[in-house]
Amino acid sequence: MITGVSDKKAHALQQAVIDAGMDAGAVLIHVEPDDPVPPAALLATAVGLVALALAAVLAATRSQTRILRRYLARLIAVGIPPRWARQVLLCQHAALSP
């Protein structure tokens, strides 16, 4: 086994073995294997995961908005100013989003 030679030299060595009347299988030419996962598949997976994460955050935010609308109405009903109640909801959404 010989490593670190050019393709031209490797094929010349294989031809020399064949010319000498020996089995050509005695000389193996190492070929680097292809990547197991093509770059396009990695990109598609990354885009899919980002889309999934975004969908999960949007669904959670939408669900929280439905729940917190009733909560906001109760806060306003007990006398808390609407601006302060909205600020509380925005802080809760900011904590949920990251």
Protein backbone atom coordinates (compact mmCIF):
# COMPACT_ATOMS: atom_id res chain seq x y z
CA MET A 1 0.00 0.00 0.00
CA ILE A 2 1.41 3.34 -1.03
CA THR A 3 -0.13 6.63 -0.01
CA GLY A 4 0.47 10.24 -0.88
CA VAL A 5 1.01 9.81 -4.62
CA SER A 6 -0.74 11.60 -7.44
CA ASP A 7 -3.52 9.96 -9.43
CA LYS A 8 -1.24 9.68 -12.45
CA LYS A 9 1.42 7.80 -10.46
CA ALA A 10 -1.17 5.56 -8.82
CA HIS A 11 -2.60 4.52 -12.19
CA ALA A 12 0.95 4.03 -13.56
CA LEU A 13 1.70 1.74 -10.62
CA GLN A 14 -1.47 -0.22 -11.22
CA GLN A 15 -0.60 -0.55 -14.92
CA ALA A 16 2.92 -1.72 -14.02
CA VAL A 17 1.45 -4.47 -11.83
CA ILE A 18 -0.84 -5.54 -14.68
CA ASP A 19 2.09 -5.48 -17.14
CA ALA A 20 4.10 -7.70 -14.77
CA GLY A 21 1.32 -10.28 -14.99
CA MET A 22 0.14 -9.91 -11.41
CA ASP A 23 -3.36 -9.41 -10.14
CA ALA A 24 -4.51 -5.81 -10.63
CA GLY A 25 -6.43 -6.09 -7.35
CA ALA A 26 -3.08 -6.08 -5.55
CA VAL A 27 -2.91 -2.32 -6.09
CA LEU A 28 -5.71 -0.39 -4.51
CA ILE A 29 -6.22 3.25 -5.31
CA HIS A 30 -7.69 5.16 -2.43
CA VAL A 31 -10.53 7.48 -3.40
CA GLU A 32 -11.84 9.98 -0.88
CA PRO A 33 -15.49 9.19 -0.10
CA ASP A 34 -18.22 11.71 -0.79
CA ASP A 35 -19.79 13.61 2.08
CA PRO A 36 -22.43 11.41 3.74
CA VAL A 37 -24.85 14.35 3.94
CA PRO A 38 -24.95 16.74 0.98
CA PRO A 39 -24.77 20.48 1.81
CA ALA A 40 -28.22 21.05 0.30
CA ALA A 41 -29.73 18.62 2.83
CA LEU A 42 -28.00 20.44 5.68
CA LEU A 43 -29.33 23.77 4.45
CA ALA A 44 -32.85 22.39 4.04
CA THR A 45 -32.72 20.94 7.55
CA ALA A 46 -31.54 24.24 9.03
CA VAL A 47 -34.28 26.19 7.24
CA GLY A 48 -36.88 23.66 8.37
CA LEU A 49 -35.76 23.87 11.99
CA VAL A 50 -35.84 27.67 11.94
CA ALA A 51 -39.35 27.58 10.45
CA LEU A 52 -40.46 25.07 13.07
CA ALA A 53 -39.05 27.17 15.91
CA LEU A 54 -40.68 30.32 14.52
CA ALA A 55 -44.03 28.54 14.19
CA ALA A 56 -43.78 27.30 17.78
CA VAL A 57 -43.01 30.78 19.10
CA LEU A 58 -45.84 32.33 17.09
CA ALA A 59 -48.29 29.67 18.27
CA ALA A 60 -47.26 30.17 21.89
CA THR A 61 -47.52 33.94 21.58
CA ARG A 62 -50.96 33.70 19.97
CA SER A 63 -52.15 31.34 22.68
CA GLN A 64 -50.82 33.63 25.39
CA THR A 65 -52.53 36.61 23.75
CA ARG A 66 -55.90 34.87 23.93
CA ILE A 67 -55.38 33.98 27.56
CA LEU A 68 -53.99 37.36 28.53
CA ARG A 69 -56.80 39.37 26.90
CA ARG A 70 -59.14 38.15 29.62
CA TYR A 71 -56.43 38.87 32.17
CA LEU A 72 -56.03 42.39 30.76
CA ALA A 73 -59.78 42.97 31.02
CA ARG A 74 -59.71 41.90 34.67
CA LEU A 75 -56.76 44.17 35.43
CA ILE A 76 -58.57 47.13 33.88
CA ALA A 77 -61.78 46.18 35.72
CA VAL A 78 -60.05 46.33 39.12
CA GLY A 79 -58.75 49.82 38.39
CA ILE A 80 -55.28 49.36 36.95
CA PRO A 81 -54.64 51.90 34.19
CA PRO A 82 -54.87 50.34 30.69
CA ARG A 83 -51.41 51.62 29.77
CA TRP A 84 -49.82 49.87 32.77
CA ALA A 85 -51.76 46.66 32.06
CA ARG A 86 -50.58 46.68 28.44
CA GLN A 87 -47.00 47.22 29.64
CA VAL A 88 -47.33 44.12 31.84
CA LEU A 89 -48.54 42.09 28.85
CA LEU A 90 -45.72 43.38 26.63
CA CYS A 91 -43.16 42.37 29.26
CA GLN A 92 -44.69 38.91 29.44
CA HIS A 93 -44.55 38.58 25.64
CA ALA A 94 -40.94 39.80 25.60
CA ALA A 95 -40.04 37.12 28.14
CA LEU A 96 -41.83 34.46 26.08
CA SER A 97 -40.37 35.38 22.66
CA PRO A 98 -36.62 34.67 23.14
